[in-house]
Amino acid sequence: QVQLVESGGGLVQPGGSLRLSCAASGFPFSTFAMYWYRQAPGKERLLIATITPETRSGSHYAEFLEGRFTIFRDNDNNMVYLQMYSLKPGHPAVYYCNIIIGLTNYWGQGTQVTVSS
């Protein structure tokens, strides 16, 4: 059974940093690309970061992040992370870990991040 569990969200001050984690299980983790999405209240879920499988080497980010986020993975422990720097204030958003297996999208429960002073 595929399972994704996000953690690490919370309240952070503008300009601060936060690291989100996603624990994955139920599939051969290292062979799949992993994704992080962000969803603000009333908005669609947006893809913000992608990391390729073990056999490749690469990551991709949404342009609006302006290089402030880094996605990385630990294939030994089936974890994928999103390191966020220079966070900007705004509405709370929920961050989701995602994987696509075949035609099925799998999501975690999400972890909420609020950037506020």
N, C-alpha and C. Protein backbone atom coordinates (compact mmCIF):
# COMPACT_ATOMS: atom_id res chain seq x y z
N GLN A 1 0.85 -1.19 0.00
CA GLN A 1 0.00 0.00 0.00
C GLN A 1 0.89 1.24 0.00
N VAL A 2 0.66 2.09 -0.98
CA VAL A 2 1.43 3.33 -1.07
C VAL A 2 1.02 4.28 0.03
N GLN A 3 1.99 4.83 0.70
CA GLN A 3 1.71 5.78 1.77
C GLN A 3 2.73 6.90 1.73
N LEU A 4 2.24 8.12 1.86
CA LEU A 4 3.07 9.31 1.94
C LEU A 4 2.66 10.09 3.18
N VAL A 5 3.63 10.43 4.00
CA VAL A 5 3.33 11.14 5.24
C VAL A 5 4.23 12.36 5.33
N GLU A 6 3.63 13.53 5.24
CA GLU A 6 4.38 14.77 5.33
C GLU A 6 4.48 15.24 6.78
N SER A 7 5.53 15.98 7.04
CA SER A 7 5.70 16.58 8.36
C SER A 7 6.64 17.78 8.23
N GLY A 8 6.72 18.54 9.31
CA GLY A 8 7.65 19.65 9.35
C GLY A 8 7.05 21.03 9.18
N GLY A 9 5.76 21.09 8.90
CA GLY A 9 5.12 22.38 8.75
C GLY A 9 4.98 23.09 10.08
N GLY A 10 4.56 24.34 10.00
CA GLY A 10 4.36 25.13 11.21
C GLY A 10 4.38 26.60 10.90
N LEU A 11 4.54 27.37 11.95
CA LEU A 11 4.59 28.82 11.84
C LEU A 11 6.04 29.27 11.78
N VAL A 12 6.34 30.11 10.81
CA VAL A 12 7.70 30.61 10.65
C VAL A 12 7.63 32.09 10.32
N GLN A 13 8.62 32.83 10.77
CA GLN A 13 8.64 34.27 10.52
C GLN A 13 9.08 34.55 9.08
N PRO A 14 8.64 35.66 8.54
CA PRO A 14 9.10 36.05 7.19
C PRO A 14 10.62 36.08 7.13
N GLY A 15 11.14 35.55 6.04
CA GLY A 15 12.58 35.47 5.90
C GLY A 15 13.19 34.23 6.51
N GLY A 16 12.41 33.49 7.23
CA GLY A 16 12.90 32.30 7.89
C GLY A 16 12.98 31.09 6.97
N SER A 17 13.41 29.98 7.56
CA SER A 17 13.58 28.74 6.82
C SER A 17 12.79 27.62 7.48
N LEU A 18 12.48 26.63 6.68
CA LEU A 18 11.75 25.47 7.18
C LEU A 18 12.06 24.29 6.29
N ARG A 19 12.14 23.13 6.89
CA ARG A 19 12.36 21.91 6.11
C ARG A 19 11.15 20.99 6.27
N LEU A 20 10.55 20.65 5.17
CA LEU A 20 9.46 19.69 5.15
C LEU A 20 9.99 18.31 4.81
N SER A 21 9.37 17.31 5.40
CA SER A 21 9.77 15.92 5.14
C SER A 21 8.58 15.13 4.63
N CYS A 22 8.88 14.12 3.84
CA CYS A 22 7.85 13.20 3.37
C CYS A 22 8.40 11.79 3.48
N ALA A 23 7.76 10.99 4.29
CA ALA A 23 8.14 9.58 4.44
C ALA A 23 7.28 8.75 3.49
N ALA A 24 7.94 7.99 2.65
CA ALA A 24 7.23 7.20 1.63
C ALA A 24 7.38 5.71 1.92
N SER A 25 6.36 4.96 1.55
CA SER A 25 6.42 3.52 1.72
C SER A 25 5.47 2.86 0.74
N GLY A 26 5.68 1.56 0.51
CA GLY A 26 4.76 0.79 -0.31
C GLY A 26 5.09 0.73 -1.79
N PHE A 27 6.23 1.26 -2.18
CA PHE A 27 6.64 1.22 -3.58
C PHE A 27 8.17 1.36 -3.63
N PRO A 28 8.80 1.00 -4.75
CA PRO A 28 10.26 1.10 -4.86
C PRO A 28 10.69 2.56 -5.01
N PHE A 29 10.90 3.18 -3.89
CA PHE A 29 11.06 4.63 -3.80
C PHE A 29 12.11 5.19 -4.76
N SER A 30 13.27 4.58 -4.80
CA SER A 30 14.38 5.18 -5.54
C SER A 30 14.14 5.21 -7.05
N THR A 31 13.18 4.46 -7.52
CA THR A 31 12.95 4.38 -8.97
C THR A 31 11.89 5.35 -9.48
N PHE A 32 11.34 6.15 -8.57
CA PHE A 32 10.29 7.08 -8.96
C PHE A 32 10.68 8.53 -8.71
N ALA A 33 10.25 9.39 -9.62
CA ALA A 33 10.34 10.82 -9.36
C ALA A 33 9.37 11.17 -8.23
N MET A 34 9.74 12.18 -7.46
CA MET A 34 8.89 12.64 -6.37
C MET A 34 8.59 14.12 -6.56
N TYR A 35 7.47 14.53 -6.04
CA TYR A 35 6.98 15.89 -6.27
C TYR A 35 6.50 16.52 -4.96
N TRP A 36 6.68 17.84 -4.90
CA TRP A 36 6.06 18.63 -3.85
C TRP A 36 5.10 19.62 -4.50
N TYR A 37 3.91 19.71 -3.90
CA TYR A 37 2.90 20.66 -4.34
C TYR A 37 2.57 21.60 -3.19
N ARG A 38 2.05 22.75 -3.57
CA ARG A 38 1.61 23.75 -2.61
C ARG A 38 0.20 24.17 -2.93
N GLN A 39 -0.64 24.26 -1.90
CA GLN A 39 -2.01 24.71 -2.11
C GLN A 39 -2.39 25.75 -1.07
N ALA A 40 -2.72 26.93 -1.56
CA ALA A 40 -3.22 28.00 -0.69
C ALA A 40 -4.74 27.91 -0.63
N PRO A 41 -5.35 28.49 0.40
CA PRO A 41 -6.81 28.42 0.53
C PRO A 41 -7.52 28.97 -0.70
N GLY A 42 -8.46 28.20 -1.23
CA GLY A 42 -9.23 28.64 -2.37
C GLY A 42 -8.50 28.60 -3.69
N LYS A 43 -7.28 28.08 -3.68
CA LYS A 43 -6.47 28.04 -4.90
C LYS A 43 -6.23 26.60 -5.33
N GLU A 44 -5.82 26.44 -6.56
CA GLU A 44 -5.51 25.10 -7.03
C GLU A 44 -4.17 24.64 -6.48
N ARG A 45 -3.99 23.35 -6.49
CA ARG A 45 -2.74 22.77 -6.02
C ARG A 45 -1.69 22.95 -7.12
N LEU A 46 -0.55 23.54 -6.74
CA LEU A 46 0.49 23.86 -7.70
C LEU A 46 1.72 23.01 -7.49
N LEU A 47 2.27 22.51 -8.58
CA LEU A 47 3.54 21.79 -8.52
C LEU A 47 4.66 22.80 -8.30
N ILE A 48 5.46 22.58 -7.28
CA ILE A 48 6.53 23.52 -7.00
C ILE A 48 7.92 22.91 -7.12
N ALA A 49 8.05 21.62 -6.94
CA ALA A 49 9.38 21.01 -7.00
C ALA A 49 9.28 19.55 -7.41
N THR A 50 10.25 19.13 -8.20
CA THR A 50 10.34 17.75 -8.69
C THR A 50 11.76 17.27 -8.52
N ILE A 51 11.90 16.01 -8.14
CA ILE A 51 13.22 15.40 -8.10
C ILE A 51 13.16 14.07 -8.84
N THR A 52 14.15 13.84 -9.66
CA THR A 52 14.15 12.68 -10.52
C THR A 52 14.49 11.41 -9.74
N PRO A 53 14.29 10.24 -10.38
CA PRO A 53 14.65 8.99 -9.71
C PRO A 53 16.15 8.84 -9.53
N GLU A 54 16.54 7.79 -8.85
CA GLU A 54 17.94 7.58 -8.50
C GLU A 54 18.83 7.49 -9.74
N THR A 55 18.28 6.92 -10.82
CA THR A 55 19.08 6.68 -12.01
C THR A 55 19.39 7.96 -12.79
N ARG A 56 18.73 9.03 -12.42
CA ARG A 56 19.02 10.30 -13.08
C ARG A 56 19.52 11.27 -12.02
N SER A 57 19.74 12.47 -12.41
CA SER A 57 20.19 13.46 -11.45
C SER A 57 19.61 14.79 -11.84
N GLY A 58 18.62 15.23 -11.12
CA GLY A 58 18.06 16.52 -11.48
C GLY A 58 16.88 16.88 -10.63
N SER A 59 16.65 18.15 -10.56
CA SER A 59 15.50 18.67 -9.86
C SER A 59 14.98 19.87 -10.63
N HIS A 60 13.72 20.14 -10.45
CA HIS A 60 13.08 21.23 -11.18
C HIS A 60 12.16 21.97 -10.22
N TYR A 61 12.05 23.28 -10.46
CA TYR A 61 11.29 24.12 -9.54
C TYR A 61 10.39 25.09 -10.31
N ALA A 62 9.31 25.44 -9.63
CA ALA A 62 8.45 26.48 -10.18
C ALA A 62 9.21 27.80 -10.20
N GLU A 63 9.02 28.56 -11.25
CA GLU A 63 9.80 29.79 -11.42
C GLU A 63 9.56 30.79 -10.30
N PHE A 64 8.33 30.82 -9.77
CA PHE A 64 8.04 31.85 -8.77
C PHE A 64 8.80 31.63 -7.46
N LEU A 65 9.41 30.45 -7.30
CA LEU A 65 10.17 30.22 -6.08
C LEU A 65 11.48 30.99 -6.06
N GLU A 66 11.94 31.41 -7.22
CA GLU A 66 13.13 32.27 -7.31
C GLU A 66 14.33 31.65 -6.62
N GLY A 67 14.44 30.33 -6.70
CA GLY A 67 15.62 29.67 -6.17
C GLY A 67 15.67 29.54 -4.67
N ARG A 68 14.55 29.77 -4.00
CA ARG A 68 14.56 29.78 -2.54
C ARG A 68 14.31 28.40 -1.93
N PHE A 69 13.89 27.45 -2.73
CA PHE A 69 13.58 26.12 -2.22
C PHE A 69 14.53 25.10 -2.82
N THR A 70 14.78 24.04 -2.08
CA THR A 70 15.60 22.92 -2.57
C THR A 70 14.91 21.62 -2.24
N ILE A 71 14.76 20.76 -3.24
CA ILE A 71 14.21 19.43 -3.01
C ILE A 71 15.36 18.44 -3.04
N PHE A 72 15.34 17.50 -2.10
CA PHE A 72 16.34 16.45 -2.12
C PHE A 72 15.75 15.19 -1.51
N ARG A 73 16.44 14.08 -1.75
CA ARG A 73 15.89 12.80 -1.33
C ARG A 73 16.94 11.94 -0.66
N ASP A 74 16.47 11.06 0.20
CA ASP A 74 17.31 10.06 0.88
C ASP A 74 16.74 8.70 0.49
N ASN A 75 17.34 8.09 -0.49
CA ASN A 75 16.81 6.83 -1.00
C ASN A 75 17.00 5.67 -0.02
N ASP A 76 17.98 5.78 0.85
CA ASP A 76 18.19 4.72 1.84
C ASP A 76 17.05 4.66 2.85
N ASN A 77 16.44 5.79 3.11
CA ASN A 77 15.38 5.86 4.12
C ASN A 77 14.02 6.23 3.55
N ASN A 78 13.91 6.23 2.23
CA ASN A 78 12.63 6.52 1.56
C ASN A 78 12.04 7.86 2.01
N MET A 79 12.88 8.87 1.97
CA MET A 79 12.44 10.19 2.38
C MET A 79 12.70 11.20 1.26
N VAL A 80 11.81 12.15 1.15
CA VAL A 80 12.04 13.29 0.28
C VAL A 80 11.77 14.56 1.10
N TYR A 81 12.57 15.57 0.86
CA TYR A 81 12.54 16.78 1.66
C TYR A 81 12.36 18.01 0.78
N LEU A 82 11.84 19.03 1.41
CA LEU A 82 11.76 20.33 0.75
C LEU A 82 12.32 21.35 1.73
N GLN A 83 13.50 21.85 1.42
CA GLN A 83 14.12 22.88 2.24
C GLN A 83 13.70 24.23 1.69
N MET A 84 13.10 25.03 2.55
CA MET A 84 12.58 26.32 2.12
C MET A 84 13.35 27.43 2.82
N TYR A 85 13.82 28.38 2.05
CA TYR A 85 14.56 29.52 2.57
C TYR A 85 13.82 30.82 2.23
N SER A 86 14.16 31.87 2.97
CA SER A 86 13.63 33.20 2.67
C SER A 86 12.13 33.18 2.43
N LEU A 87 11.42 32.58 3.36
CA LEU A 87 9.98 32.44 3.20
C LEU A 87 9.30 33.80 3.25
N LYS A 88 8.28 33.93 2.40
CA LYS A 88 7.57 35.20 2.29
C LYS A 88 6.24 35.12 3.02
N PRO A 89 5.80 36.23 3.61
CA PRO A 89 4.51 36.20 4.32
C PRO A 89 3.37 36.04 3.33
N GLY A 90 2.30 35.47 3.82
CA GLY A 90 1.12 35.29 2.98
C GLY A 90 0.14 34.37 3.67
N HIS A 91 -0.87 33.98 2.94
CA HIS A 91 -1.86 33.07 3.50
C HIS A 91 -1.22 31.72 3.81
N PRO A 92 -1.73 31.04 4.80
CA PRO A 92 -1.23 29.69 5.05
C PRO A 92 -1.40 28.80 3.82
N ALA A 93 -0.47 27.92 3.64
CA ALA A 93 -0.56 26.98 2.52
C ALA A 93 -0.25 25.59 3.03
N VAL A 94 -0.84 24.64 2.37
CA VAL A 94 -0.59 23.24 2.69
C VAL A 94 0.34 22.67 1.62
N TYR A 95 1.35 21.98 2.08
CA TYR A 95 2.33 21.37 1.18
C TYR A 95 2.11 19.86 1.15
N TYR A 96 2.08 19.35 -0.07
CA TYR A 96 1.80 17.94 -0.27
C TYR A 96 2.94 17.25 -0.99
N CYS A 97 3.21 16.05 -0.58
CA CYS A 97 4.12 15.15 -1.27
C CYS A 97 3.29 14.33 -2.26
N ASN A 98 3.89 14.01 -3.39
CA ASN A 98 3.12 13.33 -4.43
C ASN A 98 3.99 12.36 -5.20
N ILE A 99 3.33 11.28 -5.65
CA ILE A 99 3.97 10.37 -6.58
C ILE A 99 2.92 9.87 -7.54
N ILE A 100 3.35 9.61 -8.76
CA ILE A 100 2.46 9.05 -9.78
C ILE A 100 2.95 7.65 -10.11
N ILE A 101 2.08 6.69 -9.90
CA ILE A 101 2.40 5.30 -10.23
C ILE A 101 1.35 4.82 -11.23
N GLY A 102 1.82 4.56 -12.44
CA GLY A 102 0.87 4.23 -13.49
C GLY A 102 0.01 5.43 -13.79
N LEU A 103 -1.29 5.27 -13.63
CA LEU A 103 -2.22 6.37 -13.85
C LEU A 103 -2.76 6.94 -12.55
N THR A 104 -2.19 6.56 -11.45
CA THR A 104 -2.72 6.95 -10.15
C THR A 104 -1.81 7.96 -9.47
N ASN A 105 -2.43 9.04 -9.01
CA ASN A 105 -1.75 10.03 -8.19
C ASN A 105 -1.95 9.67 -6.73
N TYR A 106 -0.86 9.65 -6.00
CA TYR A 106 -0.93 9.39 -4.57
C TYR A 106 -0.50 10.65 -3.82
N TRP A 107 -1.25 10.95 -2.77
CA TRP A 107 -0.99 12.17 -1.99
C TRP A 107 -0.87 11.82 -0.51
N GLY A 108 -0.08 12.61 0.18
CA GLY A 108 -0.09 12.56 1.62
C GLY A 108 -1.21 13.43 2.15
N GLN A 109 -1.24 13.56 3.47
CA GLN A 109 -2.29 14.36 4.10
C GLN A 109 -1.95 15.84 4.09
N GLY A 110 -0.71 16.15 3.77
CA GLY A 110 -0.28 17.54 3.71
C GLY A 110 0.22 18.05 5.05
N THR A 111 1.01 19.10 4.96
CA THR A 111 1.50 19.77 6.16
C THR A 111 1.40 21.27 5.93
N GLN A 112 0.85 21.97 6.88
CA GLN A 112 0.55 23.39 6.70
C GLN A 112 1.72 24.26 7.12
N VAL A 113 1.97 25.26 6.31
CA VAL A 113 3.02 26.23 6.59
C VAL A 113 2.39 27.62 6.63
N THR A 114 2.66 28.32 7.70
CA THR A 114 2.19 29.69 7.84
C THR A 114 3.40 30.59 8.04
N VAL A 115 3.51 31.60 7.19
CA VAL A 115 4.62 32.54 7.28
C VAL A 115 4.04 33.86 7.79
N SER A 116 4.37 34.18 9.01
CA SER A 116 3.78 35.36 9.62
C SER A 116 4.64 35.82 10.79
N SER A 117 4.60 37.12 11.02
CA SER A 117 5.31 37.66 12.18
C SER A 117 4.36 37.81 13.36
